[in-house]
Amino acid sequence: MTAVSMLTIYLVCAIVAGGVVLASALGGLADHSALEHSGLDHHAGDHGDSSGHDSHLSHGTANDFWLPFFSMRFWTFGLASFGMLGLLLTLFRASAEPLTAIVAGSIGVVIGTIAALSVRIIGKSQIDSTANEVDMVGSLAKVLVAPRGDEPGKVRLTVKGDIIDMLAKSPVHGEFAVGEEVVVVGVEGSTAQISRTEDLLDELK
């Protein structure tokens, strides 16, 4: 391609992809519904569930296979970087074609990969945090400090191999003994709602 043709390509990439990146930045990195939930950011070997999250993010299975090329974030940041860097190298005559395209393309791939990986890590952390709360419900816990009326106590439970100490309350304000084993029946913020096993069995009768 001629230098004029490449300059046109750089300009289009910088304007179009750069505009998308700017809009994404103004909307916040965490708010990536337009890009990450559009159905174009699913990773190879995975099937997204109805909530828009990829199943492999909440399950550490052999399907945890990821390539940045399947992410819209990769293409928008990569093409924007390619276009802007290509424009700068061309306008300032820092290099000639095809070296300019090679340098701009290589850096675009690196920046696109970093952007896609960053979003993936953020999304995975958010989903893992939600999953931990879900996993707490139904778990057995040991009473460290017995709750008294409206005063919370403290319990210790093990979730996915992690030992977690939490504030604890009982919805029925029952009497609990230190060292007693209880069941987590709910989580409200950082406080676990606990109940005795026998009380739960009585409710099921």
N, C-alpha and C. Protein backbone atom coordinates (compact mmCIF):
# COMPACT_ATOMS: atom_id res chain seq x y z
N MET A 1 0.83 -1.20 0.00
CA MET A 1 0.00 0.00 0.00
C MET A 1 0.87 1.26 0.00
N THR A 2 0.35 2.33 -0.55
CA THR A 2 1.07 3.59 -0.57
C THR A 2 0.98 4.26 0.80
N ALA A 3 1.85 5.25 1.00
CA ALA A 3 1.85 5.98 2.27
C ALA A 3 0.54 6.69 2.49
N VAL A 4 -0.06 7.21 1.40
CA VAL A 4 -1.35 7.90 1.51
C VAL A 4 -2.45 6.95 1.95
N SER A 5 -2.46 5.74 1.39
CA SER A 5 -3.47 4.74 1.76
C SER A 5 -3.32 4.35 3.23
N MET A 6 -2.10 4.13 3.69
CA MET A 6 -1.87 3.77 5.08
C MET A 6 -2.26 4.91 6.01
N LEU A 7 -2.00 6.14 5.58
CA LEU A 7 -2.38 7.28 6.40
C LEU A 7 -3.90 7.34 6.59
N THR A 8 -4.63 7.00 5.53
CA THR A 8 -6.10 6.96 5.61
C THR A 8 -6.55 5.88 6.59
N ILE A 9 -5.91 4.72 6.54
CA ILE A 9 -6.26 3.62 7.45
C ILE A 9 -5.98 4.03 8.90
N TYR A 10 -4.83 4.63 9.15
CA TYR A 10 -4.50 5.09 10.49
C TYR A 10 -5.54 6.09 11.00
N LEU A 11 -5.93 7.00 10.12
CA LEU A 11 -6.89 8.04 10.50
C LEU A 11 -8.24 7.45 10.86
N VAL A 12 -8.71 6.49 10.04
CA VAL A 12 -10.01 5.86 10.30
C VAL A 12 -9.97 5.08 11.62
N CYS A 13 -8.91 4.32 11.84
CA CYS A 13 -8.78 3.53 13.07
C CYS A 13 -8.74 4.45 14.29
N ALA A 14 -7.98 5.54 14.18
CA ALA A 14 -7.85 6.46 15.31
C ALA A 14 -9.19 7.11 15.65
N ILE A 15 -9.94 7.50 14.62
CA ILE A 15 -11.21 8.20 14.86
C ILE A 15 -12.29 7.24 15.36
N VAL A 16 -12.48 6.12 14.65
CA VAL A 16 -13.56 5.19 15.00
C VAL A 16 -13.28 4.46 16.31
N ALA A 17 -12.14 3.73 16.36
CA ALA A 17 -11.82 2.97 17.56
C ALA A 17 -11.51 3.89 18.74
N GLY A 18 -10.82 5.01 18.44
CA GLY A 18 -10.53 5.96 19.51
C GLY A 18 -11.80 6.56 20.09
N GLY A 19 -12.81 6.78 19.27
CA GLY A 19 -14.09 7.28 19.77
C GLY A 19 -14.77 6.30 20.69
N VAL A 20 -14.69 5.01 20.34
CA VAL A 20 -15.29 3.98 21.20
C VAL A 20 -14.55 3.91 22.54
N VAL A 21 -13.22 3.99 22.49
CA VAL A 21 -12.42 3.96 23.72
C VAL A 21 -12.76 5.16 24.60
N LEU A 22 -12.89 6.33 23.99
CA LEU A 22 -13.23 7.53 24.74
C LEU A 22 -14.60 7.41 25.40
N ALA A 23 -15.56 6.88 24.65
CA ALA A 23 -16.91 6.69 25.21
C ALA A 23 -16.88 5.70 26.36
N SER A 24 -16.06 4.65 26.21
CA SER A 24 -15.94 3.65 27.26
C SER A 24 -15.30 4.24 28.51
N ALA A 25 -14.28 5.08 28.30
CA ALA A 25 -13.60 5.70 29.44
C ALA A 25 -14.53 6.65 30.18
N LEU A 26 -15.35 7.40 29.44
CA LEU A 26 -16.28 8.32 30.07
C LEU A 26 -17.36 7.57 30.84
N GLY A 27 -17.71 6.37 30.34
CA GLY A 27 -18.72 5.57 31.02
C GLY A 27 -18.17 4.79 32.18
N GLY A 28 -16.83 4.72 32.29
CA GLY A 28 -16.21 3.96 33.37
C GLY A 28 -15.80 2.59 32.88
N LEU A 29 -14.63 2.12 33.32
CA LEU A 29 -14.12 0.83 32.89
C LEU A 29 -15.00 -0.32 33.33
N ALA A 30 -15.63 -0.17 34.52
CA ALA A 30 -16.47 -1.25 35.02
C ALA A 30 -17.78 -1.36 34.27
N ASP A 31 -18.19 -0.25 33.65
CA ASP A 31 -19.45 -0.28 32.91
C ASP A 31 -19.16 -0.64 31.47
N HIS A 32 -19.03 -1.96 31.18
CA HIS A 32 -18.68 -2.38 29.84
C HIS A 32 -19.78 -3.23 29.23
N SER A 33 -21.05 -2.86 29.54
CA SER A 33 -22.17 -3.65 29.03
C SER A 33 -22.25 -3.59 27.51
N ALA A 34 -21.91 -2.44 26.94
CA ALA A 34 -22.03 -2.30 25.49
C ALA A 34 -20.99 -3.12 24.75
N LEU A 35 -19.87 -3.40 25.41
CA LEU A 35 -18.80 -4.13 24.75
C LEU A 35 -18.73 -5.57 25.22
N GLU A 36 -18.74 -5.78 26.55
CA GLU A 36 -18.46 -7.10 27.07
C GLU A 36 -19.68 -8.01 27.09
N HIS A 37 -20.91 -7.42 27.07
CA HIS A 37 -22.12 -8.24 27.11
C HIS A 37 -22.83 -8.21 25.77
N SER A 38 -22.13 -7.86 24.72
CA SER A 38 -22.76 -7.76 23.40
C SER A 38 -22.81 -9.10 22.69
N GLY A 39 -22.22 -10.14 23.29
CA GLY A 39 -22.18 -11.46 22.66
C GLY A 39 -20.94 -11.63 21.82
N LEU A 40 -20.09 -10.59 21.72
CA LEU A 40 -18.89 -10.68 20.91
C LEU A 40 -17.66 -10.91 21.76
N ASP A 41 -17.82 -10.92 23.08
CA ASP A 41 -16.67 -11.05 23.96
C ASP A 41 -16.63 -12.41 24.64
N HIS A 42 -17.36 -13.41 24.13
CA HIS A 42 -17.30 -14.75 24.69
C HIS A 42 -16.00 -15.40 24.28
N HIS A 43 -15.45 -16.19 25.17
CA HIS A 43 -14.15 -16.79 24.92
C HIS A 43 -14.30 -18.19 24.36
N ALA A 44 -13.31 -18.62 23.63
CA ALA A 44 -13.37 -19.93 22.97
C ALA A 44 -13.55 -21.03 23.99
N GLY A 45 -14.46 -21.96 23.69
CA GLY A 45 -14.70 -23.10 24.56
C GLY A 45 -15.69 -22.83 25.66
N ASP A 46 -16.28 -21.60 25.73
CA ASP A 46 -17.20 -21.25 26.79
C ASP A 46 -18.56 -20.93 26.21
N HIS A 47 -19.57 -21.09 27.07
CA HIS A 47 -20.92 -20.72 26.68
C HIS A 47 -21.44 -19.81 27.76
N GLY A 48 -21.77 -18.54 27.42
CA GLY A 48 -22.26 -17.60 28.40
C GLY A 48 -23.64 -18.01 28.88
N ASP A 49 -23.90 -17.76 30.20
CA ASP A 49 -25.21 -18.08 30.73
C ASP A 49 -26.13 -16.89 30.53
N SER A 50 -27.39 -17.02 31.01
CA SER A 50 -28.39 -16.01 30.73
C SER A 50 -28.09 -14.71 31.44
N SER A 51 -27.24 -14.69 32.45
CA SER A 51 -26.93 -13.46 33.16
C SER A 51 -25.87 -12.65 32.46
N GLY A 52 -25.28 -13.17 31.39
CA GLY A 52 -24.29 -12.43 30.65
C GLY A 52 -22.87 -12.73 31.08
N HIS A 53 -22.69 -13.57 32.11
CA HIS A 53 -21.35 -13.92 32.56
C HIS A 53 -20.92 -15.22 31.90
N ASP A 54 -19.62 -15.31 31.60
CA ASP A 54 -19.12 -16.56 31.05
C ASP A 54 -19.01 -17.59 32.15
N SER A 55 -19.40 -18.83 31.84
CA SER A 55 -19.45 -19.86 32.85
C SER A 55 -18.09 -20.18 33.41
N HIS A 56 -17.02 -20.01 32.63
CA HIS A 56 -15.72 -20.40 33.13
C HIS A 56 -15.19 -19.43 34.17
N LEU A 57 -15.77 -18.26 34.30
CA LEU A 57 -15.29 -17.32 35.28
C LEU A 57 -15.67 -17.76 36.69
N SER A 58 -16.76 -18.47 36.83
CA SER A 58 -17.17 -18.90 38.15
C SER A 58 -16.86 -20.37 38.40
N HIS A 59 -16.25 -21.03 37.46
CA HIS A 59 -15.90 -22.42 37.63
C HIS A 59 -14.49 -22.64 37.10
N GLY A 60 -13.59 -23.11 37.94
CA GLY A 60 -12.22 -23.34 37.52
C GLY A 60 -12.09 -24.68 36.82
N THR A 61 -12.59 -24.79 35.61
CA THR A 61 -12.59 -26.05 34.89
C THR A 61 -11.56 -26.02 33.79
N ALA A 62 -11.49 -27.14 33.07
CA ALA A 62 -10.56 -27.24 31.95
C ALA A 62 -10.97 -26.36 30.79
N ASN A 63 -12.21 -25.82 30.83
CA ASN A 63 -12.69 -24.95 29.77
C ASN A 63 -12.23 -23.50 29.95
N ASP A 64 -11.38 -23.27 30.97
CA ASP A 64 -10.91 -21.93 31.24
C ASP A 64 -9.85 -21.54 30.22
N PHE A 65 -10.27 -21.43 28.98
CA PHE A 65 -9.38 -21.12 27.85
C PHE A 65 -9.73 -19.74 27.35
N TRP A 66 -8.73 -18.87 27.21
CA TRP A 66 -9.01 -17.48 26.87
C TRP A 66 -7.99 -16.96 25.88
N LEU A 67 -8.47 -16.23 24.90
CA LEU A 67 -7.62 -15.53 23.95
C LEU A 67 -8.12 -14.10 23.84
N PRO A 68 -7.23 -13.12 23.79
CA PRO A 68 -7.68 -11.73 23.73
C PRO A 68 -8.41 -11.38 22.44
N PHE A 69 -8.17 -12.16 21.37
CA PHE A 69 -8.76 -11.84 20.07
C PHE A 69 -10.28 -11.99 20.06
N PHE A 70 -10.84 -12.67 21.07
CA PHE A 70 -12.29 -12.85 21.14
C PHE A 70 -12.95 -11.74 21.96
N SER A 71 -12.19 -10.73 22.34
CA SER A 71 -12.72 -9.63 23.14
C SER A 71 -12.85 -8.37 22.30
N MET A 72 -14.00 -7.71 22.38
CA MET A 72 -14.18 -6.43 21.70
C MET A 72 -13.26 -5.37 22.28
N ARG A 73 -12.95 -5.50 23.57
CA ARG A 73 -12.04 -4.55 24.21
C ARG A 73 -10.67 -4.61 23.55
N PHE A 74 -10.24 -5.81 23.19
CA PHE A 74 -8.94 -5.96 22.52
C PHE A 74 -8.92 -5.20 21.20
N TRP A 75 -9.97 -5.35 20.40
CA TRP A 75 -9.99 -4.74 19.08
C TRP A 75 -10.13 -3.22 19.17
N THR A 76 -10.96 -2.71 20.08
CA THR A 76 -11.12 -1.26 20.16
C THR A 76 -9.84 -0.58 20.64
N PHE A 77 -9.26 -1.09 21.72
CA PHE A 77 -8.03 -0.48 22.23
C PHE A 77 -6.86 -0.73 21.28
N GLY A 78 -6.82 -1.93 20.69
CA GLY A 78 -5.73 -2.25 19.77
C GLY A 78 -5.75 -1.39 18.51
N LEU A 79 -6.92 -1.27 17.90
CA LEU A 79 -7.04 -0.47 16.68
C LEU A 79 -6.85 1.02 16.95
N ALA A 80 -7.32 1.48 18.10
CA ALA A 80 -7.12 2.89 18.45
C ALA A 80 -5.64 3.19 18.61
N SER A 81 -4.92 2.30 19.28
CA SER A 81 -3.48 2.49 19.47
C SER A 81 -2.75 2.41 18.14
N PHE A 82 -3.15 1.43 17.32
CA PHE A 82 -2.55 1.28 15.99
C PHE A 82 -2.73 2.55 15.16
N GLY A 83 -3.94 3.08 15.15
CA GLY A 83 -4.23 4.27 14.35
C GLY A 83 -3.49 5.50 14.83
N MET A 84 -3.54 5.75 16.14
CA MET A 84 -2.91 6.95 16.66
C MET A 84 -1.39 6.90 16.53
N LEU A 85 -0.80 5.75 16.83
CA LEU A 85 0.65 5.63 16.71
C LEU A 85 1.08 5.72 15.25
N GLY A 86 0.31 5.09 14.36
CA GLY A 86 0.62 5.17 12.95
C GLY A 86 0.58 6.59 12.43
N LEU A 87 -0.44 7.35 12.88
CA LEU A 87 -0.53 8.77 12.49
C LEU A 87 0.68 9.56 12.95
N LEU A 88 1.07 9.36 14.22
CA LEU A 88 2.20 10.11 14.77
C LEU A 88 3.50 9.79 14.03
N LEU A 89 3.75 8.49 13.80
CA LEU A 89 4.99 8.10 13.12
C LEU A 89 5.03 8.62 11.69
N THR A 90 3.85 8.64 11.06
CA THR A 90 3.80 9.11 9.67
C THR A 90 3.93 10.63 9.57
N LEU A 91 3.17 11.35 10.40
CA LEU A 91 3.19 12.82 10.34
C LEU A 91 4.53 13.40 10.75
N PHE A 92 5.19 12.76 11.71
CA PHE A 92 6.50 13.25 12.15
C PHE A 92 7.66 12.59 11.39
N ARG A 93 7.28 11.77 10.39
CA ARG A 93 8.28 11.11 9.54
C ARG A 93 9.33 10.36 10.37
N ALA A 94 8.86 9.74 11.45
CA ALA A 94 9.76 8.98 12.31
C ALA A 94 10.18 7.67 11.68
N SER A 95 9.35 7.13 10.78
CA SER A 95 9.68 5.89 10.08
C SER A 95 8.90 5.83 8.79
N ALA A 96 9.27 4.92 7.92
CA ALA A 96 8.59 4.75 6.64
C ALA A 96 7.86 3.42 6.62
N GLU A 97 6.93 3.28 5.66
CA GLU A 97 6.23 2.02 5.48
C GLU A 97 7.18 1.00 4.86
N PRO A 98 7.08 -0.29 5.19
CA PRO A 98 6.06 -0.89 6.07
C PRO A 98 6.44 -0.92 7.54
N LEU A 99 7.60 -0.32 7.90
CA LEU A 99 8.05 -0.34 9.29
C LEU A 99 7.05 0.33 10.21
N THR A 100 6.45 1.42 9.75
CA THR A 100 5.46 2.13 10.58
C THR A 100 4.29 1.22 10.93
N ALA A 101 3.77 0.51 9.94
CA ALA A 101 2.63 -0.38 10.17
C ALA A 101 3.01 -1.52 11.11
N ILE A 102 4.23 -2.04 10.98
CA ILE A 102 4.66 -3.14 11.84
C ILE A 102 4.78 -2.68 13.29
N VAL A 103 5.42 -1.52 13.49
CA VAL A 103 5.58 -1.00 14.84
C VAL A 103 4.23 -0.66 15.47
N ALA A 104 3.39 0.06 14.71
CA ALA A 104 2.08 0.44 15.23
C ALA A 104 1.21 -0.78 15.50
N GLY A 105 1.26 -1.77 14.63
CA GLY A 105 0.47 -2.98 14.82
C GLY A 105 0.92 -3.77 16.02
N SER A 106 2.22 -3.88 16.22
CA SER A 106 2.75 -4.65 17.36
C SER A 106 2.36 -4.01 18.68
N ILE A 107 2.52 -2.70 18.75
CA ILE A 107 2.15 -2.01 19.99
C ILE A 107 0.64 -2.06 20.20
N GLY A 108 -0.12 -1.99 19.12
CA GLY A 108 -1.57 -2.11 19.23
C GLY A 108 -2.00 -3.45 19.80
N VAL A 109 -1.33 -4.53 19.38
CA VAL A 109 -1.63 -5.86 19.91
C VAL A 109 -1.34 -5.92 21.40
N VAL A 110 -0.22 -5.35 21.82
CA VAL A 110 0.15 -5.37 23.24
C VAL A 110 -0.87 -4.59 24.08
N ILE A 111 -1.20 -3.38 23.64
CA ILE A 111 -2.15 -2.55 24.39
C ILE A 111 -3.54 -3.18 24.40
N GLY A 112 -3.96 -3.75 23.27
CA GLY A 112 -5.26 -4.42 23.22
C GLY A 112 -5.33 -5.60 24.16
N THR A 113 -4.24 -6.37 24.22
CA THR A 113 -4.20 -7.53 25.11
C THR A 113 -4.27 -7.11 26.57
N ILE A 114 -3.52 -6.07 26.91
CA ILE A 114 -3.55 -5.56 28.29
C ILE A 114 -4.94 -5.09 28.67
N ALA A 115 -5.61 -4.38 27.77
CA ALA A 115 -6.95 -3.88 28.05
C ALA A 115 -7.95 -5.02 28.24
N ALA A 116 -7.90 -6.02 27.35
CA ALA A 116 -8.82 -7.16 27.44
C ALA A 116 -8.56 -7.96 28.70
N LEU A 117 -7.28 -8.16 29.04
CA LEU A 117 -6.94 -8.93 30.24
C LEU A 117 -7.36 -8.21 31.50
N SER A 118 -7.23 -6.88 31.52
CA SER A 118 -7.63 -6.10 32.68
C SER A 118 -9.11 -6.22 32.95
N VAL A 119 -9.93 -6.10 31.90
CA VAL A 119 -11.37 -6.23 32.05
C VAL A 119 -11.75 -7.63 32.51
N ARG A 120 -11.06 -8.64 31.98
CA ARG A 120 -11.35 -10.03 32.36
C ARG A 120 -11.06 -10.26 33.84
N ILE A 121 -9.93 -9.71 34.34
CA ILE A 121 -9.56 -9.88 35.73
C ILE A 121 -10.56 -9.19 36.65
N ILE A 122 -10.98 -7.97 36.25
CA ILE A 122 -11.97 -7.24 37.04
C ILE A 122 -13.29 -8.00 37.09
N GLY A 123 -13.74 -8.50 35.93
CA GLY A 123 -14.99 -9.26 35.89
C GLY A 123 -14.93 -10.53 36.70
N LYS A 124 -13.78 -11.21 36.64
CA LYS A 124 -13.62 -12.46 37.38
C LYS A 124 -13.64 -12.21 38.87
N SER A 125 -13.01 -11.11 39.33
CA SER A 125 -13.00 -10.79 40.74
C SER A 125 -14.40 -10.50 41.25
N GLN A 126 -15.19 -9.77 40.44
CA GLN A 126 -16.55 -9.44 40.84
C GLN A 126 -17.41 -10.70 40.94
N ILE A 127 -17.28 -11.60 39.99
CA ILE A 127 -18.08 -12.82 39.99
C ILE A 127 -17.67 -13.74 41.12
N ASP A 128 -16.34 -13.86 41.37
CA ASP A 128 -15.87 -14.70 42.47
C ASP A 128 -16.39 -14.19 43.80
N SER A 129 -16.45 -12.84 43.97
CA SER A 129 -16.94 -12.27 45.21
C SER A 129 -18.40 -12.63 45.43
N THR A 130 -19.21 -12.55 44.37
CA THR A 130 -20.62 -12.90 44.46
C THR A 130 -20.79 -14.38 44.77
N ALA A 131 -19.99 -15.22 44.12
CA ALA A 131 -20.09 -16.66 44.33
C ALA A 131 -19.75 -17.03 45.77
N ASN A 132 -18.80 -16.32 46.39
CA ASN A 132 -18.43 -16.62 47.77
C ASN A 132 -19.59 -16.38 48.71
N GLU A 133 -20.34 -15.30 48.49
CA GLU A 133 -21.51 -15.05 49.33
C GLU A 133 -22.54 -16.15 49.18
N VAL A 134 -22.75 -16.59 47.95
CA VAL A 134 -23.70 -17.67 47.71
C VAL A 134 -23.24 -18.95 48.39
N ASP A 135 -21.94 -19.22 48.32
CA ASP A 135 -21.41 -20.45 48.92
C ASP A 135 -21.50 -20.44 50.44
N MET A 136 -21.55 -19.26 51.04
CA MET A 136 -21.65 -19.19 52.50
C MET A 136 -22.97 -19.73 53.02
N VAL A 137 -24.03 -19.48 52.25
CA VAL A 137 -25.36 -19.93 52.68
C VAL A 137 -25.41 -21.45 52.68
N GLY A 138 -25.79 -22.02 53.81
CA GLY A 138 -25.84 -23.47 53.95
C GLY A 138 -24.57 -24.05 54.54
N SER A 139 -23.55 -23.22 54.72
CA SER A 139 -22.29 -23.71 55.28
C SER A 139 -22.40 -23.84 56.80
N LEU A 140 -21.63 -24.77 57.34
CA LEU A 140 -21.54 -24.92 58.79
C LEU A 140 -20.53 -23.92 59.33
N ALA A 141 -20.82 -23.37 60.50
CA ALA A 141 -19.93 -22.38 61.12
C ALA A 141 -19.81 -22.68 62.61
N LYS A 142 -18.71 -22.22 63.18
CA LYS A 142 -18.46 -22.40 64.61
C LYS A 142 -18.61 -21.06 65.31
N VAL A 143 -19.36 -21.05 66.41
CA VAL A 143 -19.61 -19.82 67.14
C VAL A 143 -18.36 -19.44 67.93
N LEU A 144 -17.82 -18.26 67.66
CA LEU A 144 -16.68 -17.74 68.41
C LEU A 144 -17.14 -16.83 69.53
N VAL A 145 -18.11 -15.96 69.21
CA VAL A 145 -18.74 -15.08 70.19
C VAL A 145 -20.23 -15.21 70.01
N ALA A 146 -20.93 -15.61 71.05
CA ALA A 146 -22.37 -15.86 70.93
C ALA A 146 -23.14 -14.55 70.78
N PRO A 147 -24.05 -14.47 69.79
CA PRO A 147 -24.90 -13.28 69.66
C PRO A 147 -25.90 -13.22 70.81
N ARG A 148 -26.16 -12.01 71.29
CA ARG A 148 -27.10 -11.81 72.38
C ARG A 148 -28.15 -10.80 71.96
N GLY A 149 -29.37 -11.25 71.70
CA GLY A 149 -30.43 -10.35 71.29
C GLY A 149 -30.06 -9.64 69.99
N ASP A 150 -30.07 -8.31 70.03
CA ASP A 150 -29.72 -7.53 68.85
C ASP A 150 -28.22 -7.34 68.70
N GLU A 151 -27.46 -7.76 69.70
CA GLU A 151 -26.01 -7.63 69.64
C GLU A 151 -25.42 -8.79 68.82
N PRO A 152 -24.66 -8.46 67.76
CA PRO A 152 -24.10 -9.54 66.93
C PRO A 152 -22.97 -10.28 67.64
N GLY A 153 -22.82 -11.53 67.28
CA GLY A 153 -21.69 -12.32 67.75
C GLY A 153 -20.70 -12.49 66.61
N LYS A 154 -19.93 -13.56 66.68
CA LYS A 154 -18.97 -13.83 65.61
C LYS A 154 -18.89 -15.34 65.39
N VAL A 155 -18.81 -15.72 64.12
CA VAL A 155 -18.69 -17.13 63.76
C VAL A 155 -17.51 -17.32 62.81
N ARG A 156 -17.04 -18.53 62.72
CA ARG A 156 -15.95 -18.87 61.79
C ARG A 156 -16.44 -20.00 60.88
N LEU A 157 -16.28 -19.81 59.58
CA LEU A 157 -16.67 -20.83 58.62
C LEU A 157 -15.59 -20.98 57.57
N THR A 158 -15.65 -22.09 56.86
CA THR A 158 -14.68 -22.37 55.81
C THR A 158 -15.40 -22.42 54.47
N VAL A 159 -14.97 -21.56 53.53
CA VAL A 159 -15.58 -21.49 52.20
C VAL A 159 -14.47 -21.63 51.18
N LYS A 160 -14.56 -22.67 50.35
CA LYS A 160 -13.57 -22.92 49.29
C LYS A 160 -12.15 -22.95 49.84
N GLY A 161 -12.01 -23.52 51.03
CA GLY A 161 -10.68 -23.64 51.63
C GLY A 161 -10.23 -22.42 52.41
N ASP A 162 -11.00 -21.32 52.36
CA ASP A 162 -10.65 -20.10 53.09
C ASP A 162 -11.39 -20.06 54.42
N ILE A 163 -10.67 -19.75 55.50
CA ILE A 163 -11.29 -19.60 56.81
C ILE A 163 -11.74 -18.15 56.96
N ILE A 164 -13.03 -17.96 57.22
CA ILE A 164 -13.61 -16.62 57.26
C ILE A 164 -14.29 -16.40 58.61
N ASP A 165 -13.96 -15.29 59.25
CA ASP A 165 -14.63 -14.88 60.48
C ASP A 165 -15.62 -13.78 60.13
N MET A 166 -16.86 -13.92 60.58
CA MET A 166 -17.91 -12.96 60.26
C MET A 166 -18.72 -12.60 61.49
N LEU A 167 -19.27 -11.39 61.47
CA LEU A 167 -20.27 -11.04 62.46
C LEU A 167 -21.48 -11.94 62.23
N ALA A 168 -22.21 -12.24 63.28
CA ALA A 168 -23.33 -13.17 63.14
C ALA A 168 -24.51 -12.74 64.01
N LYS A 169 -25.69 -12.92 63.44
CA LYS A 169 -26.93 -12.70 64.17
C LYS A 169 -27.85 -13.88 63.93
N SER A 170 -28.83 -14.03 64.82
CA SER A 170 -29.83 -15.08 64.65
C SER A 170 -31.18 -14.43 64.42
N PRO A 171 -31.89 -14.84 63.37
CA PRO A 171 -33.22 -14.24 63.11
C PRO A 171 -34.23 -14.53 64.21
N VAL A 172 -33.96 -15.57 65.04
CA VAL A 172 -34.91 -15.92 66.10
C VAL A 172 -34.38 -15.53 67.47
N HIS A 173 -33.22 -14.86 67.51
CA HIS A 173 -32.61 -14.43 68.77
C HIS A 173 -32.48 -15.57 69.77
N GLY A 174 -32.04 -16.71 69.27
CA GLY A 174 -31.85 -17.86 70.17
C GLY A 174 -30.56 -17.74 70.96
N GLU A 175 -30.45 -18.60 71.96
CA GLU A 175 -29.24 -18.63 72.77
C GLU A 175 -28.24 -19.59 72.14
N PHE A 176 -27.01 -19.11 72.00
CA PHE A 176 -25.95 -19.93 71.40
C PHE A 176 -24.77 -20.00 72.36
N ALA A 177 -24.07 -21.11 72.28
CA ALA A 177 -22.90 -21.31 73.13
C ALA A 177 -21.63 -21.19 72.29
N VAL A 178 -20.57 -20.70 72.91
CA VAL A 178 -19.29 -20.61 72.22
C VAL A 178 -18.81 -22.02 71.85
N GLY A 179 -18.40 -22.18 70.62
CA GLY A 179 -17.95 -23.48 70.14
C GLY A 179 -19.05 -24.31 69.50
N GLU A 180 -20.29 -23.83 69.59
CA GLU A 180 -21.42 -24.56 69.01
C GLU A 180 -21.37 -24.47 67.49
N GLU A 181 -21.78 -25.55 66.82
CA GLU A 181 -21.82 -25.57 65.36
C GLU A 181 -23.20 -25.14 64.89
N VAL A 182 -23.23 -24.17 63.99
CA VAL A 182 -24.49 -23.63 63.49
C VAL A 182 -24.47 -23.63 61.97
N VAL A 183 -25.60 -23.26 61.38
CA VAL A 183 -25.72 -23.21 59.92
C VAL A 183 -25.94 -21.76 59.49
N VAL A 184 -25.25 -21.33 58.47
CA VAL A 184 -25.46 -20.00 57.91
C VAL A 184 -26.67 -20.07 56.98
N VAL A 185 -27.72 -19.34 57.34
CA VAL A 185 -28.96 -19.40 56.55
C VAL A 185 -29.12 -18.18 55.65
N GLY A 186 -28.23 -17.20 55.80
CA GLY A 186 -28.30 -16.01 54.96
C GLY A 186 -27.12 -15.10 55.25
N VAL A 187 -26.89 -14.17 54.34
CA VAL A 187 -25.81 -13.20 54.50
C VAL A 187 -26.36 -11.82 54.17
N GLU A 188 -26.22 -10.89 55.11
CA GLU A 188 -26.65 -9.51 54.90
C GLU A 188 -25.44 -8.61 55.08
N GLY A 189 -24.89 -8.17 53.94
CA GLY A 189 -23.67 -7.37 54.00
C GLY A 189 -22.51 -8.21 54.50
N SER A 190 -21.96 -7.82 55.65
CA SER A 190 -20.85 -8.58 56.25
C SER A 190 -21.29 -9.40 57.44
N THR A 191 -22.61 -9.54 57.61
CA THR A 191 -23.15 -10.27 58.76
C THR A 191 -23.85 -11.55 58.32
N ALA A 192 -23.50 -12.64 58.97
CA ALA A 192 -24.13 -13.93 58.67
C ALA A 192 -25.36 -14.12 59.55
N GLN A 193 -26.42 -14.62 58.95
CA GLN A 193 -27.61 -15.01 59.70
C GLN A 193 -27.48 -16.50 60.01
N ILE A 194 -27.52 -16.86 61.30
CA ILE A 194 -27.24 -18.25 61.68
C ILE A 194 -28.45 -18.88 62.37
N SER A 195 -28.45 -20.20 62.34
CA SER A 195 -29.51 -20.96 62.98
C SER A 195 -28.94 -22.31 63.41
N ARG A 196 -29.55 -22.91 64.41
CA ARG A 196 -29.15 -24.26 64.82
C ARG A 196 -29.64 -25.27 63.80
N THR A 197 -28.91 -26.37 63.68
CA THR A 197 -29.31 -27.43 62.75
C THR A 197 -30.65 -28.02 63.15
N GLU A 198 -30.84 -28.22 64.45
CA GLU A 198 -32.09 -28.83 64.91
C GLU A 198 -33.29 -27.91 64.66
N ASP A 199 -33.06 -26.59 64.74
CA ASP A 199 -34.15 -25.65 64.46
C ASP A 199 -34.57 -25.73 62.99
N LEU A 200 -33.58 -25.89 62.11
CA LEU A 200 -33.89 -26.02 60.69
C LEU A 200 -34.64 -27.30 60.42
N LEU A 201 -34.23 -28.38 61.07
CA LEU A 201 -34.92 -29.67 60.89
C LEU A 201 -36.36 -29.61 61.39
N ASP A 202 -36.56 -28.87 62.49
CA ASP A 202 -37.92 -28.72 63.02
C ASP A 202 -38.81 -27.96 62.04
N GLU A 203 -38.23 -26.98 61.35
CA GLU A 203 -39.01 -26.21 60.37
C GLU A 203 -39.40 -27.06 59.18
N LEU A 204 -38.56 -28.06 58.85
CA LEU A 204 -38.85 -28.92 57.71
C LEU A 204 -39.88 -29.99 58.04
N LYS A 205 -40.14 -30.23 59.29
CA LYS A 205 -41.09 -31.29 59.66
C LYS A 205 -42.53 -30.84 59.38
